[in-house]
Protein backbone atom coordinates (compact mmCIF):
# COMPACT_ATOMS: atom_id res chain seq x y z
CA MET A 1 39.96 104.52 79.52
CA SER A 2 39.02 107.65 77.62
CA GLY A 3 40.36 107.44 74.11
CA TYR A 4 41.54 103.84 74.36
CA ARG A 5 40.16 101.48 71.75
CA PHE A 6 39.75 97.79 72.37
CA THR A 7 39.91 95.43 69.41
CA ASP A 8 36.94 93.32 68.37
CA ARG A 9 38.94 90.26 69.37
CA GLN A 10 39.39 91.61 72.91
CA LEU A 11 35.75 92.61 73.24
CA ARG A 12 34.50 89.18 72.11
CA GLN A 13 36.23 87.65 75.13
CA TRP A 14 34.46 89.96 77.57
CA PRO A 15 31.01 89.46 79.10
CA PRO A 16 28.38 91.21 76.94
CA ALA A 17 27.67 93.94 79.50
CA ALA A 18 31.35 94.85 79.82
CA ALA A 19 31.83 94.88 76.05
CA ALA A 20 28.76 97.10 75.64
CA ALA A 21 30.08 99.51 78.27
CA ALA A 22 33.46 99.71 76.54
CA LEU A 23 31.82 100.37 73.16
CA TRP A 24 29.60 103.03 74.73
CA GLU A 25 32.67 104.77 76.18
CA GLN A 26 34.41 104.65 72.82
CA ALA A 27 31.36 106.15 71.10
CA ARG A 28 31.09 108.88 73.74
CA HIS A 29 34.76 109.76 73.33
CA ALA A 30 34.39 109.86 69.53
CA GLU A 31 31.42 112.19 69.90
CA GLN A 32 33.46 114.50 72.13
CA ARG A 33 36.28 114.58 69.56
CA VAL A 34 33.82 115.42 66.78
CA THR A 35 32.37 118.26 68.83
CA TYR A 36 35.85 119.60 69.66
CA TRP A 37 37.03 119.60 66.04
CA LYS A 38 33.75 121.05 64.79
CA ARG A 39 34.11 123.98 67.18
CA ARG A 40 37.74 124.47 66.12
CA ALA A 41 36.75 124.49 62.44
CA GLU A 42 33.90 126.93 63.03
CA SER A 43 36.18 129.22 65.02
CA ALA A 44 38.84 129.16 62.30
CA GLU A 45 36.22 129.86 59.64
CA ARG A 46 34.88 132.80 61.66
CA ARG A 47 38.39 134.25 62.12
CA MET A 48 39.16 133.85 58.41
CA THR A 49 35.89 135.54 57.44
CA GLU A 50 36.50 138.45 59.84
CA HIS A 51 40.05 138.87 58.56
CA HIS A 52 38.85 138.75 54.95
CA CYS A 53 36.20 141.39 55.63
CA GLN A 54 38.71 143.67 57.36
CA GLU A 55 41.04 143.57 54.34
CA TYR A 56 38.33 144.82 51.99
CA SER A 57 37.15 147.57 54.32
CA LYS A 58 40.55 149.32 54.30
């Protein structure tokens, strides 16, 4: 189910515990995506800074 999003209409038809579990999974997956992209951005920023510093030291 990772990454799959259920609509509000679908979740309203489910028992409350099942709907809560699905929403929790969606939130957990979103958190993992945020962490992944944050690390990618920080890595790119670090590489750009290192490259920029190397150009001026020549």
